[in-house]
Amino acid sequence: MITFMLVGLPRSGTTWAANWLTTDRSLCIHDPLNQYHYQQLDNIECPGKTVGISCTGIYLWTDWLNKHPARKVIVHRSVGEIKYSLREAGIQLKVFKPHLLDKVEGFHVHWQELWTNPGPIYKFLLKREYDVERHTLLKNYNIQMDFNKTPKNIKLETTLIKEIRQSLV
């Protein structure tokens, strides 16, 4: 069962955070909607580890997300910065509804706090003492997805996009 979630828009540190939040006792899956329907997330198991997600799309299902019992940190970055970063990375989004992020219930932080004030985020999500050494090691790394190597389930993507379109009607 998913016990923690870091939710943010693309280009807000979610890939980096998934790496940071994956430890000897936890597994944080980045953008699981590439392979799992959101209703299947609680079926993901990793024996002996706490399982969580760091996701840039789950906010689109705000009602489902708010009902889910996982601890949630919502990461905010300005839309202008995100759009600029997306253009620089050559990424085009099919669905982008940044206003929905504000409706997600949980612990809201500015994205830079992943690097400048990480202790409260780490403690809240993992329910353990903040690992200063791990954060110090990782904070200067530029960790990004390689979209050419990321497995995608096109049938699932089509289903999710259809669900989004239907919910916006």
C-alpha atoms as a PDB file:
ATOM      1  CA  MET A   1       0.000   0.000   0.000  1.00  0.00           C
ATOM      2  CA  ILE A   2       1.190   3.499  -0.807  1.00  0.00           C
ATOM      3  CA  THR A   3       1.922   5.233   2.504  1.00  0.00           C
ATOM      4  CA  PHE A   4       3.439   8.499   1.286  1.00  0.00           C
ATOM      5  CA  MET A   5       3.173  10.760  -1.741  1.00  0.00           C
ATOM      6  CA  LEU A   6       5.133  13.717  -3.007  1.00  0.00           C
ATOM      7  CA  VAL A   7       2.907  15.504  -5.518  1.00  0.00           C
ATOM      8  CA  GLY A   8       4.031  18.263  -7.841  1.00  0.00           C
ATOM      9  CA  LEU A   9       3.918  19.605 -11.326  1.00  0.00           C
ATOM     10  CA  PRO A  10       6.574  18.574 -13.841  1.00  0.00           C
ATOM     11  CA  ARG A  11       9.997  20.194 -13.436  1.00  0.00           C
ATOM     12  CA  SER A  12       9.481  20.631  -9.688  1.00  0.00           C
ATOM     13  CA  GLY A  13      12.084  18.223  -8.329  1.00  0.00           C
ATOM     14  CA  THR A  14       9.923  15.105  -8.259  1.00  0.00           C
ATOM     15  CA  THR A  15      12.457  12.864 -10.020  1.00  0.00           C
ATOM     16  CA  TRP A  16      15.192  14.010  -7.663  1.00  0.00           C
ATOM     17  CA  ALA A  17      12.879  13.547  -4.666  1.00  0.00           C
ATOM     18  CA  ALA A  18      12.018   9.969  -5.699  1.00  0.00           C
ATOM     19  CA  ASN A  19      15.732   9.166  -5.570  1.00  0.00           C
ATOM     20  CA  TRP A  20      16.150  10.949  -2.227  1.00  0.00           C
ATOM     21  CA  LEU A  21      13.141   9.195  -0.679  1.00  0.00           C
ATOM     22  CA  THR A  22      14.282   5.747  -1.826  1.00  0.00           C
ATOM     23  CA  THR A  23      16.406   4.329   0.967  1.00  0.00           C
ATOM     24  CA  ASP A  24      17.252   1.003   2.560  1.00  0.00           C
ATOM     25  CA  ARG A  25      13.761   1.052   4.134  1.00  0.00           C
ATOM     26  CA  SER A  26      11.664   2.837   1.517  1.00  0.00           C
ATOM     27  CA  LEU A  27      10.898   2.733  -2.183  1.00  0.00           C
ATOM     28  CA  CYS A  28       9.616   5.888  -3.873  1.00  0.00           C
ATOM     29  CA  ILE A  29       8.344   5.302  -7.400  1.00  0.00           C
ATOM     30  CA  HIS A  30       8.553   8.265  -9.750  1.00  0.00           C
ATOM     31  CA  ASP A  31       5.570   8.967 -12.016  1.00  0.00           C
ATOM     32  CA  PRO A  32       3.910   5.577 -11.521  1.00  0.00           C
ATOM     33  CA  LEU A  33       1.062   6.574 -13.844  1.00  0.00           C
ATOM     34  CA  ASN A  34       3.354   5.644 -16.728  1.00  0.00           C
ATOM     35  CA  GLN A  35       2.761   2.006 -15.774  1.00  0.00           C
ATOM     36  CA  TYR A  36      -0.118   1.833 -13.271  1.00  0.00           C
ATOM     37  CA  HIS A  37      -3.643   3.178 -13.121  1.00  0.00           C
ATOM     38  CA  TYR A  38      -4.012   5.304  -9.993  1.00  0.00           C
ATOM     39  CA  GLN A  39      -6.541   2.796  -8.623  1.00  0.00           C
ATOM     40  CA  GLN A  40      -3.846   0.080  -8.849  1.00  0.00           C
ATOM     41  CA  LEU A  41      -1.179   1.956  -6.886  1.00  0.00           C
ATOM     42  CA  ASP A  42      -2.051   0.321  -3.579  1.00  0.00           C
ATOM     43  CA  ASN A  43      -1.344  -3.082  -5.148  1.00  0.00           C
ATOM     44  CA  ILE A  44       2.356  -2.217  -5.504  1.00  0.00           C
ATOM     45  CA  GLU A  45       4.349  -4.130  -2.935  1.00  0.00           C
ATOM     46  CA  CYS A  46       7.958  -4.131  -1.922  1.00  0.00           C
ATOM     47  CA  PRO A  47       8.328  -6.497   1.041  1.00  0.00           C
ATOM     48  CA  GLY A  48      10.196  -4.979   3.945  1.00  0.00           C
ATOM     49  CA  LYS A  49       9.973  -1.427   2.610  1.00  0.00           C
ATOM     50  CA  THR A  50       7.590   1.476   2.916  1.00  0.00           C
ATOM     51  CA  VAL A  51       6.251   2.299  -0.545  1.00  0.00           C
ATOM     52  CA  GLY A  52       5.519   5.791  -1.805  1.00  0.00           C
ATOM     53  CA  ILE A  53       5.267   7.789  -4.986  1.00  0.00           C
ATOM     54  CA  SER A  54       6.633  11.049  -6.328  1.00  0.00           C
ATOM     55  CA  CYS A  55       4.224  11.991  -9.074  1.00  0.00           C
ATOM     56  CA  THR A  56       3.554  14.793 -11.527  1.00  0.00           C
ATOM     57  CA  GLY A  57       0.161  13.584 -12.738  1.00  0.00           C
ATOM     58  CA  ILE A  58      -1.770  12.217  -9.784  1.00  0.00           C
ATOM     59  CA  TYR A  59      -3.007  15.721  -8.841  1.00  0.00           C
ATOM     60  CA  LEU A  60      -5.368  15.539 -11.836  1.00  0.00           C
ATOM     61  CA  TRP A  61      -7.507  13.100  -9.808  1.00  0.00           C
ATOM     62  CA  THR A  62      -7.839  15.423  -6.839  1.00  0.00           C
ATOM     63  CA  ASP A  63     -10.928  13.774  -5.344  1.00  0.00           C
ATOM     64  CA  TRP A  64      -9.305  10.332  -5.362  1.00  0.00           C
ATOM     65  CA  LEU A  65      -6.046  11.780  -4.080  1.00  0.00           C
ATOM     66  CA  ASN A  66      -7.680  13.626  -1.182  1.00  0.00           C
ATOM     67  CA  LYS A  67      -9.493  10.466  -0.094  1.00  0.00           C
ATOM     68  CA  HIS A  68      -6.311   8.392  -0.127  1.00  0.00           C
ATOM     69  CA  PRO A  69      -4.875   7.956   3.397  1.00  0.00           C
ATOM     70  CA  ALA A  70      -1.207   8.386   2.408  1.00  0.00           C
ATOM     71  CA  ARG A  71       0.786  11.255   3.892  1.00  0.00           C
ATOM     72  CA  LYS A  72       1.119  13.914   1.190  1.00  0.00           C
ATOM     73  CA  VAL A  73       3.594  16.682   0.497  1.00  0.00           C
ATOM     74  CA  ILE A  74       2.543  19.012  -2.301  1.00  0.00           C
ATOM     75  CA  VAL A  75       5.430  20.791  -4.022  1.00  0.00           C
ATOM     76  CA  HIS A  76       4.772  24.168  -5.663  1.00  0.00           C
ATOM     77  CA  ARG A  77       6.784  25.925  -8.346  1.00  0.00           C
ATOM     78  CA  SER A  78       5.630  28.949 -10.348  1.00  0.00           C
ATOM     79  CA  VAL A  79       3.860  28.122 -13.589  1.00  0.00           C
ATOM     80  CA  GLY A  80       6.174  30.498 -15.467  1.00  0.00           C
ATOM     81  CA  GLU A  81       9.269  28.659 -14.230  1.00  0.00           C
ATOM     82  CA  ILE A  82       7.705  25.313 -15.070  1.00  0.00           C
ATOM     83  CA  LYS A  83       6.748  26.343 -18.599  1.00  0.00           C
ATOM     84  CA  TYR A  84      10.224  27.753 -19.190  1.00  0.00           C
ATOM     85  CA  SER A  85      11.864  24.574 -17.886  1.00  0.00           C
ATOM     86  CA  LEU A  86       9.566  22.387 -19.997  1.00  0.00           C
ATOM     87  CA  ARG A  87      10.469  24.348 -23.136  1.00  0.00           C
ATOM     88  CA  GLU A  88      14.182  24.146 -22.328  1.00  0.00           C
ATOM     89  CA  ALA A  89      13.884  20.382 -21.882  1.00  0.00           C
ATOM     90  CA  GLY A  90      11.877  20.024 -25.117  1.00  0.00           C
ATOM     91  CA  ILE A  91       8.861  18.583 -23.294  1.00  0.00           C
ATOM     92  CA  GLN A  92       5.268  19.116 -24.369  1.00  0.00           C
ATOM     93  CA  LEU A  93       2.428  18.197 -22.037  1.00  0.00           C
ATOM     94  CA  LYS A  94      -0.942  16.911 -23.187  1.00  0.00           C
ATOM     95  CA  VAL A  95      -2.635  17.833 -19.904  1.00  0.00           C
ATOM     96  CA  PHE A  96      -1.537  20.645 -17.630  1.00  0.00           C
ATOM     97  CA  LYS A  97      -3.964  22.003 -15.003  1.00  0.00           C
ATOM     98  CA  PRO A  98      -1.766  23.701 -12.389  1.00  0.00           C
ATOM     99  CA  HIS A  99      -4.707  25.194 -10.456  1.00  0.00           C
ATOM    100  CA  LEU A 100      -5.756  21.689  -9.354  1.00  0.00           C
ATOM    101  CA  LEU A 101      -2.557  21.312  -7.321  1.00  0.00           C
ATOM    102  CA  ASP A 102      -3.886  23.914  -4.884  1.00  0.00           C
ATOM    103  CA  LYS A 103      -6.862  21.657  -4.133  1.00  0.00           C
ATOM    104  CA  VAL A 104      -4.751  18.737  -2.943  1.00  0.00           C
ATOM    105  CA  GLU A 105      -4.894  18.329   0.826  1.00  0.00           C
ATOM    106  CA  GLY A 106      -1.601  17.852   2.623  1.00  0.00           C
ATOM    107  CA  PHE A 107       1.646  19.565   3.575  1.00  0.00           C
ATOM    108  CA  HIS A 108       2.289  22.294   0.951  1.00  0.00           C
ATOM    109  CA  VAL A 109       5.871  23.466   0.355  1.00  0.00           C
ATOM    110  CA  HIS A 110       7.821  25.519  -2.177  1.00  0.00           C
ATOM    111  CA  TRP A 111       9.870  23.242  -4.429  1.00  0.00           C
ATOM    112  CA  GLN A 112      13.178  24.784  -3.337  1.00  0.00           C
ATOM    113  CA  GLU A 113      12.530  23.464   0.177  1.00  0.00           C
ATOM    114  CA  LEU A 114      13.513  20.030  -1.142  1.00  0.00           C
ATOM    115  CA  TRP A 115      17.054  21.435  -0.946  1.00  0.00           C
ATOM    116  CA  THR A 116      16.849  24.325   1.531  1.00  0.00           C
ATOM    117  CA  ASN A 117      14.570  22.899   4.262  1.00  0.00           C
ATOM    118  CA  PRO A 118      14.293  19.148   3.620  1.00  0.00           C
ATOM    119  CA  GLY A 119      14.094  17.890   7.206  1.00  0.00           C
ATOM    120  CA  PRO A 120      10.364  18.476   7.775  1.00  0.00           C
ATOM    121  CA  ILE A 121       9.495  16.935   4.388  1.00  0.00           C
ATOM    122  CA  TYR A 122      11.597  13.825   5.020  1.00  0.00           C
ATOM    123  CA  LYS A 123      10.300  13.332   8.577  1.00  0.00           C
ATOM    124  CA  PHE A 124       6.689  13.859   7.523  1.00  0.00           C
ATOM    125  CA  LEU A 125       6.789  11.438   4.588  1.00  0.00           C
ATOM    126  CA  LEU A 126       9.074   8.693   5.918  1.00  0.00           C
ATOM    127  CA  LYS A 127       8.259   8.988   9.638  1.00  0.00           C
ATOM    128  CA  ARG A 128      11.922   8.754  10.562  1.00  0.00           C
ATOM    129  CA  GLU A 129      14.778  11.067  11.368  1.00  0.00           C
ATOM    130  CA  TYR A 130      16.033  13.159   8.493  1.00  0.00           C
ATOM    131  CA  ASP A 131      19.122  11.616   6.890  1.00  0.00           C
ATOM    132  CA  VAL A 132      21.437  14.628   6.672  1.00  0.00           C
ATOM    133  CA  GLU A 133      24.304  12.669   5.086  1.00  0.00           C
ATOM    134  CA  ARG A 134      22.147  11.256   2.290  1.00  0.00           C
ATOM    135  CA  HIS A 135      20.645  14.659   1.537  1.00  0.00           C
ATOM    136  CA  THR A 136      24.072  16.337   1.559  1.00  0.00           C
ATOM    137  CA  LEU A 137      25.305  13.735  -0.906  1.00  0.00           C
ATOM    138  CA  LEU A 138      22.327  14.091  -3.264  1.00  0.00           C
ATOM    139  CA  LYS A 139      21.439  17.777  -3.093  1.00  0.00           C
ATOM    140  CA  ASN A 140      23.925  18.846  -5.764  1.00  0.00           C
ATOM    141  CA  TYR A 141      22.949  16.096  -8.206  1.00  0.00           C
ATOM    142  CA  ASN A 142      20.911  16.919 -11.289  1.00  0.00           C
ATOM    143  CA  ILE A 143      18.583  13.931 -11.511  1.00  0.00           C
ATOM    144  CA  GLN A 144      16.103  13.931 -14.388  1.00  0.00           C
ATOM    145  CA  MET A 145      14.017  11.405 -16.247  1.00  0.00           C
ATOM    146  CA  ASP A 146      15.228  10.163 -19.582  1.00  0.00           C
ATOM    147  CA  PHE A 147      11.928  10.151 -21.462  1.00  0.00           C
ATOM    148  CA  ASN A 148      13.429   7.954 -24.191  1.00  0.00           C
ATOM    149  CA  LYS A 149      14.150   5.197 -21.668  1.00  0.00           C
ATOM    150  CA  THR A 150      11.073   5.552 -19.458  1.00  0.00           C
ATOM    151  CA  PRO A 151       8.700   2.617 -19.961  1.00  0.00           C
ATOM    152  CA  LYS A 152       5.240   3.743 -20.979  1.00  0.00           C
ATOM    153  CA  ASN A 153       1.956   1.921 -21.273  1.00  0.00           C
ATOM    154  CA  ILE A 154       0.255   3.653 -24.213  1.00  0.00           C
ATOM    155  CA  LYS A 155      -3.074   1.891 -23.586  1.00  0.00           C
ATOM    156  CA  LEU A 156      -3.037   3.085 -19.976  1.00  0.00           C
ATOM    157  CA  GLU A 157      -2.042   6.602 -21.029  1.00  0.00           C
ATOM    158  CA  THR A 158      -4.989   6.695 -23.438  1.00  0.00           C
ATOM    159  CA  THR A 159      -7.347   5.501 -20.688  1.00  0.00           C
ATOM    160  CA  LEU A 160      -6.089   8.116 -18.221  1.00  0.00           C
ATOM    161  CA  ILE A 161      -6.359  10.948 -20.746  1.00  0.00           C
ATOM    162  CA  LYS A 162      -9.913   9.856 -21.557  1.00  0.00           C
ATOM    163  CA  GLU A 163     -10.770   9.900 -17.838  1.00  0.00           C
ATOM    164  CA  ILE A 164      -9.334  13.401 -17.470  1.00  0.00           C
ATOM    165  CA  ARG A 165     -11.286  14.698 -20.459  1.00  0.00           C
ATOM    166  CA  GLN A 166     -14.508  13.182 -19.131  1.00  0.00           C
ATOM    167  CA  SER A 167     -13.999  14.713 -15.690  1.00  0.00           C
ATOM    168  CA  LEU A 168     -13.474  18.175 -17.179  1.00  0.00           C
ATOM    169  CA  VAL A 169     -16.782  18.099 -19.124  1.00  0.00           C
END
